[in-house]
Amino acid sequence: MGILAWIAAVVLFFQLPVPLYWFVLHPNVAFWRRHVRAGFIVAVLFAWGTVTAFLVAFHGVLFARARAPAWAIAAGLALIALEIYILRCVTRDLGGARLSGKTELSGGGEIVSGGIYARVRHPRYAGTLCAVVGACLLAGTPRLWAVVAVWSLLLFSAIALEEREMRARFGAAYAGYCRRVPRFLPWRTFYRSRGVE
């Protein structure tokens, strides 16, 4: 594997497990609230264990490419850099403990609606999607794009589970937040701040 394939593999190692992690926690949040430490351990082992095994088993077909075109390399690196910037904003606005699910498992917390969360409801997932598409552009194999298409369905399902849990926890306050702030792209909040609807 060349350097671009290695960069893609590392990005995927960190990003592909994200929806799997939440698939463990969100559907059974009431159970995991009684077993918080076990919830984190099971979610991490399942998500990163599954993805690691998958990437190791199929690395030959997922990353076998002679050379990505220059535009794909530039776009891929830009998307990965964008994800790093988004992650910094999310960590600043949300904090590491909340980012890993501490408030979901405690059943407490509050809706974060400042910083990047004033523009989009799911910046972390938007960044994850940017990074994964960037990795696909670097690796450039059709099979990797197919994997990411399936993964995207998992990601959107995890988002639906998270929003269901947030509605149950925060009720009308979260519903109002959802009406004001779009899921992924800040266009609506951008135009609203300029008086255009």
N, C-alpha and C. Protein backbone atom coordinates (compact mmCIF):
# COMPACT_ATOMS: atom_id res chain seq x y z
N MET A 1 0.84 -1.19 0.00
CA MET A 1 0.00 0.00 0.00
C MET A 1 0.88 1.24 0.00
N GLY A 2 0.46 2.22 -0.81
CA GLY A 2 1.17 3.49 -0.85
C GLY A 2 0.76 4.38 0.32
N ILE A 3 1.40 5.54 0.39
CA ILE A 3 1.14 6.46 1.50
C ILE A 3 -0.30 6.94 1.51
N LEU A 4 -0.89 7.18 0.34
CA LEU A 4 -2.28 7.64 0.29
C LEU A 4 -3.24 6.56 0.80
N ALA A 5 -2.95 5.33 0.45
CA ALA A 5 -3.78 4.23 0.93
C ALA A 5 -3.66 4.09 2.44
N TRP A 6 -2.45 4.31 2.97
CA TRP A 6 -2.27 4.25 4.42
C TRP A 6 -3.03 5.37 5.12
N ILE A 7 -2.98 6.57 4.55
CA ILE A 7 -3.74 7.68 5.14
C ILE A 7 -5.23 7.34 5.13
N ALA A 8 -5.71 6.81 3.99
CA ALA A 8 -7.12 6.43 3.90
C ALA A 8 -7.47 5.37 4.94
N ALA A 9 -6.61 4.38 5.10
CA ALA A 9 -6.87 3.30 6.07
C ALA A 9 -6.92 3.83 7.50
N VAL A 10 -6.02 4.74 7.84
CA VAL A 10 -6.02 5.31 9.20
C VAL A 10 -7.29 6.12 9.43
N VAL A 11 -7.66 6.93 8.46
CA VAL A 11 -8.90 7.72 8.58
C VAL A 11 -10.09 6.80 8.76
N LEU A 12 -10.17 5.75 7.97
CA LEU A 12 -11.30 4.81 8.08
C LEU A 12 -11.28 4.07 9.40
N PHE A 13 -10.10 3.75 9.92
CA PHE A 13 -10.01 3.09 11.22
C PHE A 13 -10.66 3.94 12.31
N PHE A 14 -10.47 5.25 12.24
CA PHE A 14 -11.04 6.13 13.26
C PHE A 14 -12.50 6.50 12.99
N GLN A 15 -12.90 6.53 11.73
CA GLN A 15 -14.24 7.04 11.40
C GLN A 15 -15.31 5.96 11.20
N LEU A 16 -14.97 4.85 10.57
CA LEU A 16 -15.99 3.83 10.30
C LEU A 16 -16.66 3.28 11.57
N PRO A 17 -15.95 3.18 12.70
CA PRO A 17 -16.62 2.64 13.89
C PRO A 17 -17.67 3.55 14.52
N VAL A 18 -17.69 4.82 14.15
CA VAL A 18 -18.57 5.78 14.84
C VAL A 18 -20.03 5.33 14.88
N PRO A 19 -20.67 5.00 13.76
CA PRO A 19 -22.08 4.58 13.87
C PRO A 19 -22.24 3.26 14.62
N LEU A 20 -21.28 2.35 14.49
CA LEU A 20 -21.39 1.07 15.21
C LEU A 20 -21.35 1.30 16.71
N TYR A 21 -20.52 2.21 17.15
CA TYR A 21 -20.43 2.56 18.57
C TYR A 21 -21.80 3.01 19.08
N TRP A 22 -22.45 3.87 18.31
CA TRP A 22 -23.75 4.39 18.75
C TRP A 22 -24.86 3.35 18.60
N PHE A 23 -24.69 2.40 17.70
CA PHE A 23 -25.68 1.32 17.58
C PHE A 23 -25.70 0.45 18.83
N VAL A 24 -24.59 0.36 19.53
CA VAL A 24 -24.56 -0.37 20.78
C VAL A 24 -25.26 0.43 21.87
N LEU A 25 -24.97 1.73 21.95
CA LEU A 25 -25.44 2.54 23.07
C LEU A 25 -26.88 3.03 22.93
N HIS A 26 -27.23 3.63 21.80
CA HIS A 26 -28.54 4.29 21.69
C HIS A 26 -29.76 3.37 21.81
N PRO A 27 -29.81 2.25 21.15
CA PRO A 27 -31.03 1.43 21.24
C PRO A 27 -31.28 0.88 22.65
N ASN A 28 -30.23 0.71 23.43
CA ASN A 28 -30.35 0.11 24.76
C ASN A 28 -29.89 1.07 25.85
N VAL A 29 -30.14 2.35 25.67
CA VAL A 29 -29.59 3.35 26.58
C VAL A 29 -30.08 3.15 28.01
N ALA A 30 -31.31 2.70 28.20
CA ALA A 30 -31.81 2.47 29.57
C ALA A 30 -30.99 1.39 30.28
N PHE A 31 -30.66 0.33 29.55
CA PHE A 31 -29.83 -0.73 30.12
C PHE A 31 -28.43 -0.22 30.44
N TRP A 32 -27.82 0.48 29.48
CA TRP A 32 -26.45 0.94 29.66
C TRP A 32 -26.34 2.01 30.74
N ARG A 33 -27.42 2.72 31.04
CA ARG A 33 -27.37 3.70 32.13
C ARG A 33 -27.16 3.02 33.47
N ARG A 34 -27.54 1.76 33.56
CA ARG A 34 -27.30 0.99 34.79
C ARG A 34 -25.93 0.33 34.79
N HIS A 35 -25.29 0.29 33.62
CA HIS A 35 -23.99 -0.38 33.46
C HIS A 35 -23.09 0.50 32.58
N VAL A 36 -22.79 1.69 33.05
CA VAL A 36 -22.10 2.70 32.23
C VAL A 36 -20.74 2.22 31.75
N ARG A 37 -19.90 1.77 32.66
CA ARG A 37 -18.55 1.33 32.26
C ARG A 37 -18.63 0.18 31.26
N ALA A 38 -19.50 -0.78 31.50
CA ALA A 38 -19.66 -1.90 30.57
C ALA A 38 -20.15 -1.40 29.22
N GLY A 39 -21.02 -0.40 29.22
CA GLY A 39 -21.52 0.16 27.96
C GLY A 39 -20.40 0.71 27.10
N PHE A 40 -19.52 1.50 27.71
CA PHE A 40 -18.38 2.04 26.97
C PHE A 40 -17.48 0.93 26.45
N ILE A 41 -17.18 -0.03 27.30
CA ILE A 41 -16.27 -1.12 26.91
C ILE A 41 -16.86 -1.94 25.77
N VAL A 42 -18.11 -2.33 25.90
CA VAL A 42 -18.76 -3.13 24.85
C VAL A 42 -18.84 -2.35 23.54
N ALA A 43 -19.22 -1.07 23.63
CA ALA A 43 -19.35 -0.26 22.41
C ALA A 43 -18.01 -0.11 21.69
N VAL A 44 -16.95 0.19 22.45
CA VAL A 44 -15.63 0.36 21.85
C VAL A 44 -15.13 -0.96 21.25
N LEU A 45 -15.23 -2.05 22.01
CA LEU A 45 -14.75 -3.34 21.50
C LEU A 45 -15.52 -3.77 20.26
N PHE A 46 -16.84 -3.61 20.29
CA PHE A 46 -17.63 -4.01 19.13
C PHE A 46 -17.31 -3.14 17.92
N ALA A 47 -17.32 -1.82 18.10
CA ALA A 47 -17.14 -0.92 16.95
C ALA A 47 -15.75 -1.02 16.35
N TRP A 48 -14.73 -0.81 17.20
CA TRP A 48 -13.37 -0.81 16.65
C TRP A 48 -12.87 -2.22 16.36
N GLY A 49 -13.33 -3.20 17.10
CA GLY A 49 -12.96 -4.58 16.79
C GLY A 49 -13.50 -5.03 15.44
N THR A 50 -14.76 -4.71 15.19
CA THR A 50 -15.38 -5.08 13.91
C THR A 50 -14.68 -4.40 12.75
N VAL A 51 -14.46 -3.10 12.87
CA VAL A 51 -13.83 -2.35 11.77
C VAL A 51 -12.38 -2.78 11.56
N THR A 52 -11.66 -3.00 12.63
CA THR A 52 -10.27 -3.45 12.49
C THR A 52 -10.20 -4.79 11.77
N ALA A 53 -11.04 -5.73 12.19
CA ALA A 53 -11.06 -7.04 11.53
C ALA A 53 -11.42 -6.89 10.05
N PHE A 54 -12.39 -6.04 9.76
CA PHE A 54 -12.82 -5.83 8.37
C PHE A 54 -11.69 -5.23 7.54
N LEU A 55 -11.05 -4.18 8.06
CA LEU A 55 -9.98 -3.52 7.29
C LEU A 55 -8.78 -4.45 7.08
N VAL A 56 -8.45 -5.25 8.08
CA VAL A 56 -7.34 -6.18 7.93
C VAL A 56 -7.68 -7.27 6.92
N ALA A 57 -8.88 -7.83 7.03
CA ALA A 57 -9.28 -8.93 6.15
C ALA A 57 -9.40 -8.50 4.68
N PHE A 58 -9.83 -7.28 4.45
CA PHE A 58 -10.13 -6.86 3.07
C PHE A 58 -9.24 -5.71 2.58
N HIS A 59 -8.12 -5.47 3.24
CA HIS A 59 -7.29 -4.33 2.84
C HIS A 59 -6.82 -4.43 1.40
N GLY A 60 -6.57 -5.64 0.92
CA GLY A 60 -6.09 -5.82 -0.45
C GLY A 60 -7.06 -5.32 -1.50
N VAL A 61 -8.34 -5.59 -1.31
CA VAL A 61 -9.34 -5.15 -2.31
C VAL A 61 -9.82 -3.73 -2.05
N LEU A 62 -9.75 -3.27 -0.81
CA LEU A 62 -10.24 -1.93 -0.51
C LEU A 62 -9.24 -0.84 -0.88
N PHE A 63 -7.95 -1.16 -0.85
CA PHE A 63 -6.94 -0.13 -1.05
C PHE A 63 -6.02 -0.41 -2.23
N ALA A 64 -6.37 -1.36 -3.10
CA ALA A 64 -5.54 -1.69 -4.26
C ALA A 64 -5.84 -0.72 -5.39
N ARG A 65 -4.98 0.25 -5.57
CA ARG A 65 -5.17 1.24 -6.62
C ARG A 65 -3.80 1.74 -7.04
N ALA A 66 -3.60 1.83 -8.33
CA ALA A 66 -2.29 2.29 -8.82
C ALA A 66 -2.02 3.73 -8.39
N ARG A 67 -2.94 4.66 -8.71
CA ARG A 67 -2.71 6.06 -8.39
C ARG A 67 -4.01 6.84 -8.53
N ALA A 68 -4.32 7.64 -7.50
CA ALA A 68 -5.49 8.52 -7.55
C ALA A 68 -5.13 9.75 -8.38
N PRO A 69 -6.09 10.29 -9.13
CA PRO A 69 -5.79 11.53 -9.88
C PRO A 69 -5.52 12.69 -8.91
N ALA A 70 -4.82 13.70 -9.40
CA ALA A 70 -4.42 14.83 -8.55
C ALA A 70 -5.63 15.52 -7.91
N TRP A 71 -6.72 15.69 -8.69
CA TRP A 71 -7.89 16.36 -8.13
C TRP A 71 -8.48 15.56 -6.97
N ALA A 72 -8.46 14.21 -7.07
CA ALA A 72 -9.00 13.37 -6.00
C ALA A 72 -8.13 13.45 -4.75
N ILE A 73 -6.83 13.50 -4.94
CA ILE A 73 -5.92 13.63 -3.80
C ILE A 73 -6.17 14.96 -3.09
N ALA A 74 -6.23 16.04 -3.88
CA ALA A 74 -6.44 17.37 -3.29
C ALA A 74 -7.79 17.43 -2.57
N ALA A 75 -8.84 16.94 -3.20
CA ALA A 75 -10.18 16.96 -2.58
C ALA A 75 -10.22 16.07 -1.35
N GLY A 76 -9.60 14.89 -1.44
CA GLY A 76 -9.59 13.97 -0.31
C GLY A 76 -8.87 14.56 0.90
N LEU A 77 -7.71 15.14 0.67
CA LEU A 77 -6.97 15.76 1.77
C LEU A 77 -7.71 16.96 2.35
N ALA A 78 -8.36 17.73 1.48
CA ALA A 78 -9.14 18.88 1.96
C ALA A 78 -10.31 18.43 2.83
N LEU A 79 -10.99 17.35 2.44
CA LEU A 79 -12.11 16.85 3.24
C LEU A 79 -11.64 16.30 4.59
N ILE A 80 -10.51 15.65 4.59
CA ILE A 80 -9.95 15.13 5.85
C ILE A 80 -9.54 16.31 6.75
N ALA A 81 -8.94 17.34 6.17
CA ALA A 81 -8.58 18.53 6.95
C ALA A 81 -9.83 19.22 7.50
N LEU A 82 -10.89 19.27 6.70
CA LEU A 82 -12.15 19.86 7.16
C LEU A 82 -12.69 19.08 8.36
N GLU A 83 -12.58 17.76 8.32
CA GLU A 83 -13.05 16.95 9.45
C GLU A 83 -12.23 17.24 10.71
N ILE A 84 -10.94 17.43 10.56
CA ILE A 84 -10.10 17.74 11.72
C ILE A 84 -10.54 19.08 12.32
N TYR A 85 -10.80 20.06 11.47
CA TYR A 85 -11.29 21.37 11.95
C TYR A 85 -12.64 21.21 12.66
N ILE A 86 -13.56 20.48 12.07
CA ILE A 86 -14.88 20.27 12.68
C ILE A 86 -14.73 19.57 14.02
N LEU A 87 -13.88 18.56 14.09
CA LEU A 87 -13.68 17.84 15.35
C LEU A 87 -13.13 18.76 16.43
N ARG A 88 -12.23 19.65 16.07
CA ARG A 88 -11.73 20.63 17.05
C ARG A 88 -12.86 21.52 17.56
N CYS A 89 -13.72 21.98 16.65
CA CYS A 89 -14.86 22.82 17.06
C CYS A 89 -15.82 22.03 17.95
N VAL A 90 -16.11 20.80 17.58
CA VAL A 90 -17.02 19.97 18.36
C VAL A 90 -16.44 19.71 19.74
N THR A 91 -15.17 19.38 19.81
CA THR A 91 -14.54 19.11 21.10
C THR A 91 -14.55 20.36 21.97
N ARG A 92 -14.31 21.51 21.37
CA ARG A 92 -14.35 22.78 22.11
C ARG A 92 -15.77 23.05 22.65
N ASP A 93 -16.78 22.87 21.80
CA ASP A 93 -18.15 23.22 22.17
C ASP A 93 -18.84 22.16 23.01
N LEU A 94 -18.47 20.90 22.82
CA LEU A 94 -19.17 19.80 23.47
C LEU A 94 -18.36 19.21 24.62
N GLY A 95 -17.06 19.10 24.42
CA GLY A 95 -16.21 18.46 25.42
C GLY A 95 -16.04 16.99 25.11
N GLY A 96 -14.93 16.45 25.51
CA GLY A 96 -14.61 15.05 25.20
C GLY A 96 -15.54 14.06 25.85
N ALA A 97 -15.95 14.32 27.11
CA ALA A 97 -16.83 13.38 27.81
C ALA A 97 -18.19 13.27 27.12
N ARG A 98 -18.74 14.41 26.73
CA ARG A 98 -20.04 14.38 26.05
C ARG A 98 -19.92 13.78 24.66
N LEU A 99 -18.79 14.03 24.03
CA LEU A 99 -18.57 13.48 22.69
C LEU A 99 -18.58 11.96 22.70
N SER A 100 -18.13 11.36 23.79
CA SER A 100 -18.07 9.90 23.88
C SER A 100 -19.37 9.29 24.41
N GLY A 101 -20.36 10.12 24.77
CA GLY A 101 -21.65 9.58 25.18
C GLY A 101 -21.94 9.63 26.66
N LYS A 102 -21.16 10.36 27.41
CA LYS A 102 -21.36 10.38 28.86
C LYS A 102 -22.75 10.89 29.25
N THR A 103 -23.23 11.93 28.58
CA THR A 103 -24.55 12.46 28.96
C THR A 103 -25.68 11.52 28.56
N GLU A 104 -25.53 10.81 27.44
CA GLU A 104 -26.55 9.83 27.07
C GLU A 104 -26.66 8.75 28.14
N LEU A 105 -25.51 8.33 28.64
CA LEU A 105 -25.51 7.26 29.62
C LEU A 105 -25.87 7.73 31.02
N SER A 106 -25.68 9.02 31.29
CA SER A 106 -26.10 9.53 32.60
C SER A 106 -27.57 9.94 32.58
N GLY A 107 -28.11 10.20 31.37
CA GLY A 107 -29.50 10.64 31.25
C GLY A 107 -29.67 12.11 31.56
N GLY A 108 -28.60 12.84 31.72
CA GLY A 108 -28.67 14.25 32.06
C GLY A 108 -28.21 15.13 30.94
N GLY A 109 -27.55 16.21 31.31
CA GLY A 109 -27.01 17.13 30.32
C GLY A 109 -28.01 18.15 29.86
N GLU A 110 -27.59 18.91 28.89
CA GLU A 110 -28.44 19.94 28.31
C GLU A 110 -28.16 19.99 26.82
N ILE A 111 -29.05 20.63 26.09
CA ILE A 111 -28.85 20.77 24.65
C ILE A 111 -27.77 21.82 24.42
N VAL A 112 -26.74 21.45 23.68
CA VAL A 112 -25.71 22.41 23.32
C VAL A 112 -26.16 23.09 22.04
N SER A 113 -26.35 24.40 22.11
CA SER A 113 -26.86 25.12 20.94
C SER A 113 -25.99 26.33 20.61
N GLY A 114 -24.78 26.37 21.16
CA GLY A 114 -23.86 27.44 20.85
C GLY A 114 -22.72 26.93 19.98
N GLY A 115 -21.87 27.84 19.55
CA GLY A 115 -20.73 27.47 18.72
C GLY A 115 -21.17 26.83 17.41
N ILE A 116 -20.51 25.75 17.06
CA ILE A 116 -20.84 25.07 15.80
C ILE A 116 -22.25 24.46 15.84
N TYR A 117 -22.72 24.17 17.06
CA TYR A 117 -24.06 23.59 17.21
C TYR A 117 -25.17 24.61 17.00
N ALA A 118 -24.84 25.88 16.86
CA ALA A 118 -25.83 26.89 16.48
C ALA A 118 -26.06 26.86 14.98
N ARG A 119 -25.15 26.25 14.25
CA ARG A 119 -25.24 26.19 12.79
C ARG A 119 -25.75 24.85 12.26
N VAL A 120 -25.28 23.75 12.90
CA VAL A 120 -25.71 22.40 12.49
C VAL A 120 -25.91 21.54 13.72
N ARG A 121 -26.87 20.62 13.66
CA ARG A 121 -27.16 19.76 14.80
C ARG A 121 -26.16 18.63 14.95
N HIS A 122 -25.61 18.15 13.84
CA HIS A 122 -24.73 16.98 13.87
C HIS A 122 -23.39 17.27 13.18
N PRO A 123 -22.64 18.23 13.71
CA PRO A 123 -21.36 18.52 13.05
C PRO A 123 -20.39 17.35 13.10
N ARG A 124 -20.42 16.57 14.17
CA ARG A 124 -19.50 15.44 14.28
C ARG A 124 -19.77 14.42 13.18
N TYR A 125 -21.03 14.13 12.94
CA TYR A 125 -21.36 13.19 11.88
C TYR A 125 -21.05 13.78 10.50
N ALA A 126 -21.29 15.07 10.33
CA ALA A 126 -20.94 15.72 9.05
C ALA A 126 -19.43 15.62 8.82
N GLY A 127 -18.66 15.84 9.87
CA GLY A 127 -17.20 15.71 9.73
C GLY A 127 -16.77 14.29 9.44
N THR A 128 -17.41 13.34 10.11
CA THR A 128 -17.11 11.93 9.86
C THR A 128 -17.36 11.58 8.40
N LEU A 129 -18.48 12.04 7.88
CA LEU A 129 -18.82 11.78 6.47
C LEU A 129 -17.79 12.43 5.55
N CYS A 130 -17.36 13.65 5.86
CA CYS A 130 -16.32 14.31 5.05
C CYS A 130 -15.04 13.48 5.03
N ALA A 131 -14.62 13.02 6.20
CA ALA A 131 -13.37 12.26 6.29
C ALA A 131 -13.45 10.95 5.53
N VAL A 132 -14.58 10.27 5.63
CA VAL A 132 -14.73 8.98 4.95
C VAL A 132 -14.75 9.18 3.43
N VAL A 133 -15.44 10.20 2.95
CA VAL A 133 -15.43 10.48 1.51
C VAL A 133 -14.01 10.87 1.09
N GLY A 134 -13.32 11.65 1.92
CA GLY A 134 -11.93 11.99 1.62
C GLY A 134 -11.05 10.77 1.51
N ALA A 135 -11.24 9.82 2.42
CA ALA A 135 -10.47 8.57 2.36
C ALA A 135 -10.78 7.79 1.09
N CYS A 136 -12.03 7.78 0.69
CA CYS A 136 -12.39 7.09 -0.56
C CYS A 136 -11.74 7.74 -1.77
N LEU A 137 -11.68 9.06 -1.76
CA LEU A 137 -11.03 9.75 -2.87
C LEU A 137 -9.54 9.43 -2.93
N LEU A 138 -8.91 9.30 -1.76
CA LEU A 138 -7.48 8.95 -1.74
C LEU A 138 -7.25 7.53 -2.21
N ALA A 139 -8.08 6.60 -1.75
CA ALA A 139 -7.90 5.19 -2.11
C ALA A 139 -8.44 4.91 -3.50
N GLY A 140 -9.61 5.44 -3.79
CA GLY A 140 -10.17 5.39 -5.12
C GLY A 140 -10.67 4.05 -5.64
N THR A 141 -10.89 3.07 -4.79
CA THR A 141 -11.35 1.78 -5.30
C THR A 141 -12.87 1.71 -5.28
N PRO A 142 -13.47 1.13 -6.31
CA PRO A 142 -14.93 1.01 -6.35
C PRO A 142 -15.49 0.22 -5.16
N ARG A 143 -14.77 -0.79 -4.71
CA ARG A 143 -15.28 -1.58 -3.57
C ARG A 143 -15.33 -0.75 -2.29
N LEU A 144 -14.37 0.13 -2.13
CA LEU A 144 -14.40 1.00 -0.94
C LEU A 144 -15.60 1.94 -1.01
N TRP A 145 -15.90 2.46 -2.19
CA TRP A 145 -17.09 3.31 -2.33
C TRP A 145 -18.35 2.52 -2.00
N ALA A 146 -18.41 1.26 -2.39
CA ALA A 146 -19.57 0.42 -2.07
C ALA A 146 -19.70 0.21 -0.56
N VAL A 147 -18.57 -0.02 0.11
CA VAL A 147 -18.58 -0.18 1.57
C VAL A 147 -19.09 1.09 2.22
N VAL A 148 -18.63 2.23 1.73
CA VAL A 148 -19.04 3.50 2.32
C VAL A 148 -20.51 3.80 2.05
N ALA A 149 -21.03 3.34 0.93
CA ALA A 149 -22.47 3.51 0.68
C ALA A 149 -23.28 2.77 1.73
N VAL A 150 -22.89 1.54 2.05
CA VAL A 150 -23.58 0.78 3.10
C VAL A 150 -23.36 1.44 4.46
N TRP A 151 -22.13 1.85 4.72
CA TRP A 151 -21.80 2.53 5.98
C TRP A 151 -22.65 3.79 6.16
N SER A 152 -22.89 4.53 5.07
CA SER A 152 -23.70 5.75 5.15
C SER A 152 -25.11 5.45 5.65
N LEU A 153 -25.66 4.33 5.22
CA LEU A 153 -26.98 3.93 5.73
C LEU A 153 -26.92 3.68 7.23
N LEU A 154 -25.86 3.05 7.70
CA LEU A 154 -25.67 2.85 9.14
C LEU A 154 -25.54 4.18 9.87
N LEU A 155 -24.79 5.10 9.28
CA LEU A 155 -24.60 6.41 9.90
C LEU A 155 -25.92 7.14 10.06
N PHE A 156 -26.73 7.16 9.00
CA PHE A 156 -28.01 7.87 9.07
C PHE A 156 -28.98 7.17 10.02
N SER A 157 -28.87 5.86 10.13
CA SER A 157 -29.69 5.13 11.11
C SER A 157 -29.26 5.49 12.53
N ALA A 158 -27.94 5.59 12.76
CA ALA A 158 -27.44 5.98 14.08
C ALA A 158 -27.90 7.38 14.44
N ILE A 159 -27.92 8.27 13.46
CA ILE A 159 -28.39 9.64 13.70
C ILE A 159 -29.87 9.63 14.10
N ALA A 160 -30.67 8.81 13.41
CA ALA A 160 -32.09 8.70 13.76
C ALA A 160 -32.26 8.19 15.19
N LEU A 161 -31.46 7.21 15.59
CA LEU A 161 -31.53 6.70 16.96
C LEU A 161 -31.13 7.78 17.97
N GLU A 162 -30.10 8.54 17.64
CA GLU A 162 -29.67 9.60 18.54
C GLU A 162 -30.75 10.66 18.69
N GLU A 163 -31.37 11.04 17.57
CA GLU A 163 -32.41 12.06 17.65
C GLU A 163 -33.62 11.56 18.43
N ARG A 164 -33.93 10.30 18.31
CA ARG A 164 -35.03 9.73 19.09
C ARG A 164 -34.71 9.80 20.58
N GLU A 165 -33.47 9.46 20.94
CA GLU A 165 -33.07 9.52 22.34
C GLU A 165 -33.08 10.96 22.85
N MET A 166 -32.64 11.91 22.03
CA MET A 166 -32.64 13.32 22.43
C MET A 166 -34.07 13.85 22.62
N ARG A 167 -34.97 13.43 21.72
CA ARG A 167 -36.37 13.85 21.88
C ARG A 167 -36.96 13.29 23.17
N ALA A 168 -36.63 12.05 23.49
CA ALA A 168 -37.13 11.45 24.73
C ALA A 168 -36.55 12.15 25.95
N ARG A 169 -35.31 12.58 25.87
CA ARG A 169 -34.66 13.19 27.02
C ARG A 169 -35.02 14.66 27.19
N PHE A 170 -35.18 15.40 26.07
CA PHE A 170 -35.36 16.84 26.17
C PHE A 170 -36.72 17.34 25.68
N GLY A 171 -37.51 16.47 25.03
CA GLY A 171 -38.87 16.82 24.64
C GLY A 171 -38.97 18.02 23.71
N ALA A 172 -39.84 18.97 24.09
CA ALA A 172 -40.15 20.12 23.24
C ALA A 172 -38.93 21.00 22.98
N ALA A 173 -38.01 21.09 23.94
CA ALA A 173 -36.81 21.91 23.75
C ALA A 173 -35.99 21.39 22.58
N TYR A 174 -35.86 20.06 22.46
CA TYR A 174 -35.09 19.50 21.35
C TYR A 174 -35.86 19.64 20.04
N ALA A 175 -37.17 19.48 20.08
CA ALA A 175 -37.98 19.66 18.87
C ALA A 175 -37.82 21.08 18.33
N GLY A 176 -37.81 22.07 19.23
CA GLY A 176 -37.59 23.45 18.80
C GLY A 176 -36.21 23.67 18.22
N TYR A 177 -35.22 23.06 18.84
CA TYR A 177 -33.85 23.13 18.32
C TYR A 177 -33.78 22.54 16.92
N CYS A 178 -34.46 21.42 16.70
CA CYS A 178 -34.47 20.77 15.38
C CYS A 178 -35.13 21.67 14.34
N ARG A 179 -36.15 22.41 14.73
CA ARG A 179 -36.80 23.31 13.78
C ARG A 179 -35.89 24.48 13.40
N ARG A 180 -35.07 24.92 14.32
CA ARG A 180 -34.20 26.09 14.09
C ARG A 180 -32.90 25.75 13.37
N VAL A 181 -32.36 24.56 13.65
CA VAL A 181 -31.00 24.25 13.20
C VAL A 181 -31.03 23.02 12.29
N PRO A 182 -30.46 23.13 11.08
CA PRO A 182 -30.44 21.97 10.18
C PRO A 182 -29.49 20.88 10.66
N ARG A 183 -29.68 19.67 10.11
CA ARG A 183 -28.87 18.52 10.54
C ARG A 183 -27.40 18.66 10.20
N PHE A 184 -27.10 18.92 8.93
CA PHE A 184 -25.70 18.83 8.48
C PHE A 184 -25.14 20.08 7.84
N LEU A 185 -25.90 20.74 7.02
CA LEU A 185 -25.38 21.88 6.26
C LEU A 185 -25.93 23.18 6.84
N PRO A 186 -25.08 24.17 7.06
CA PRO A 186 -25.52 25.39 7.75
C PRO A 186 -26.23 26.40 6.86
N TRP A 187 -26.69 26.00 5.69
CA TRP A 187 -27.27 26.98 4.76
C TRP A 187 -28.44 27.72 5.38
N ARG A 188 -29.36 27.01 6.00
CA ARG A 188 -30.54 27.66 6.55
C ARG A 188 -30.15 28.68 7.62
N THR A 189 -29.25 28.35 8.51
CA THR A 189 -28.84 29.31 9.53
C THR A 189 -28.01 30.43 8.94
N PHE A 190 -27.26 30.16 7.87
CA PHE A 190 -26.48 31.20 7.20
C PHE A 190 -27.41 32.25 6.60
N TYR A 191 -28.44 31.80 5.87
CA TYR A 191 -29.35 32.74 5.24
C TYR A 191 -30.24 33.43 6.28
N ARG A 192 -30.65 32.72 7.32
CA ARG A 192 -31.48 33.32 8.36
C ARG A 192 -30.72 34.45 9.06
N SER A 193 -29.42 34.28 9.28
CA SER A 193 -28.64 35.33 9.94
C SER A 193 -28.51 36.58 9.08
N ARG A 194 -28.77 36.45 7.79
CA ARG A 194 -28.71 37.59 6.88
C ARG A 194 -30.10 38.10 6.50
N GLY A 195 -31.13 37.58 7.16
CA GLY A 195 -32.48 38.05 6.91
C GLY A 195 -33.14 37.46 5.68
N VAL A 196 -32.55 36.42 5.11
CA VAL A 196 -33.11 35.78 3.91
C VAL A 196 -33.70 34.44 4.34
N GLU A 197 -34.88 34.10 3.92
CA GLU A 197 -35.49 32.84 4.31
C GLU A 197 -35.84 31.99 3.11
